[in-house]
Amino acid sequence: MSSSVSEPLDIIKQNLDEQIYVKLRGSREMIGKLHAYDSHCNMVLGEAIETIFSLQADNATLDSREEKHELVFVRGDSVILVTDAANV
């Protein structure tokens, strides 16, 4: 990965065809291979694992479940954070 970053999207560009971690709204996160993206942070991830977190009725227990996706489109307005999966 090159270290020349002049714009925020350059970080995403450097991780094209690499595993990335994406934190999403709605208590979700994904790890997958970045196949494509655009200026709105819409992304296409392959071989993705989505983790969905939920708080139980007692407000003390946090549950999580995982879903696997062969190919998934992530809408940019739901993206909170993107980083190299090795950083997680």
Protein backbone atom coordinates (compact mmCIF):
# COMPACT_ATOMS: atom_id res chain seq x y z
CA MET A 1 0.00 0.00 0.00
CA SER A 2 1.39 3.39 -1.03
CA SER A 3 1.54 6.11 1.59
CA SER A 4 0.70 9.08 -0.70
CA VAL A 5 -2.70 10.37 0.35
CA SER A 6 -3.95 13.69 -1.01
CA GLU A 7 -7.70 13.09 -0.60
CA PRO A 8 -9.74 11.02 1.88
CA LEU A 9 -10.92 8.63 -0.85
CA ASP A 10 -7.26 7.86 -1.67
CA ILE A 11 -7.22 5.65 1.43
CA ILE A 12 -10.08 3.61 -0.01
CA LYS A 13 -8.44 3.55 -3.45
CA GLN A 14 -5.26 2.10 -1.92
CA ASN A 15 -7.31 -0.78 -0.51
CA LEU A 16 -8.99 -1.78 -3.77
CA ASP A 17 -8.96 -5.59 -4.08
CA GLU A 18 -7.89 -5.85 -0.41
CA GLN A 19 -9.76 -6.84 2.75
CA ILE A 20 -11.34 -3.83 4.47
CA TYR A 21 -13.33 -3.21 7.65
CA VAL A 22 -16.44 -1.04 7.34
CA LYS A 23 -18.37 0.24 10.38
CA LEU A 24 -21.98 0.98 9.48
CA ARG A 25 -25.00 2.71 10.97
CA GLY A 26 -27.51 0.49 12.70
CA SER A 27 -24.95 -1.33 14.90
CA ARG A 28 -23.45 -3.26 11.98
CA GLU A 29 -19.95 -3.85 10.66
CA MET A 30 -18.50 -5.71 7.69
CA ILE A 31 -15.21 -7.21 6.67
CA GLY A 32 -14.77 -8.07 3.01
CA LYS A 33 -12.75 -7.64 -0.15
CA LEU A 34 -13.29 -4.23 -1.76
CA HIS A 35 -14.21 -4.72 -5.43
CA ALA A 36 -15.50 -1.22 -6.28
CA TYR A 37 -16.40 2.15 -4.77
CA ASP A 38 -17.49 5.62 -5.84
CA SER A 39 -17.26 9.20 -4.58
CA HIS A 40 -20.33 8.67 -2.35
CA CYS A 41 -18.59 5.77 -0.54
CA ASN A 42 -20.96 3.27 -2.11
CA MET A 43 -18.98 0.02 -2.13
CA VAL A 44 -19.17 -3.49 -3.50
CA LEU A 45 -17.63 -6.07 -1.15
CA GLY A 46 -16.98 -9.70 -1.93
CA GLU A 47 -16.72 -12.63 0.47
CA ALA A 48 -18.07 -10.33 3.17
CA ILE A 49 -18.92 -11.14 6.76
CA GLU A 50 -21.51 -8.83 8.30
CA THR A 51 -21.79 -8.64 12.08
CA ILE A 52 -25.06 -7.28 13.49
CA PHE A 53 -25.19 -6.23 17.13
CA SER A 54 -28.37 -6.00 19.22
CA LEU A 55 -29.07 -5.07 22.82
CA GLN A 56 -31.32 -7.44 24.76
CA ALA A 57 -34.43 -6.23 26.60
CA ASP A 58 -32.52 -6.16 29.90
CA ASN A 59 -30.21 -3.49 28.38
CA ALA A 60 -27.25 -5.35 29.86
CA THR A 61 -26.57 -8.06 27.28
CA LEU A 62 -25.15 -7.35 23.84
CA ASP A 63 -25.76 -10.10 21.30
CA SER A 64 -24.24 -10.42 17.87
CA ARG A 65 -24.89 -12.56 14.83
CA GLU A 66 -22.95 -12.98 11.62
CA GLU A 67 -24.17 -13.23 8.05
CA LYS A 68 -21.98 -14.19 5.10
CA HIS A 69 -22.42 -12.55 1.71
CA GLU A 70 -20.74 -13.68 -1.49
CA LEU A 71 -21.20 -10.19 -2.96
CA VAL A 72 -22.87 -7.19 -1.30
CA PHE A 73 -23.54 -3.54 -2.15
CA VAL A 74 -22.97 -1.14 0.75
CA ARG A 75 -24.76 2.18 0.45
CA GLY A 76 -22.41 5.09 1.16
CA ASP A 77 -24.74 7.03 3.45
CA SER A 78 -24.63 4.15 5.95
CA VAL A 79 -20.81 4.13 6.15
CA ILE A 80 -19.25 5.54 9.33
CA LEU A 81 -15.65 4.32 9.07
CA VAL A 82 -13.46 2.44 6.58
CA THR A 83 -10.03 0.97 7.32
CA ASP A 84 -7.73 -1.83 6.28
CA ALA A 85 -8.98 -5.07 7.87
CA ALA A 86 -5.50 -5.66 9.30
CA ASN A 87 -6.03 -2.61 11.57
CA VAL A 88 -9.00 -4.17 13.38
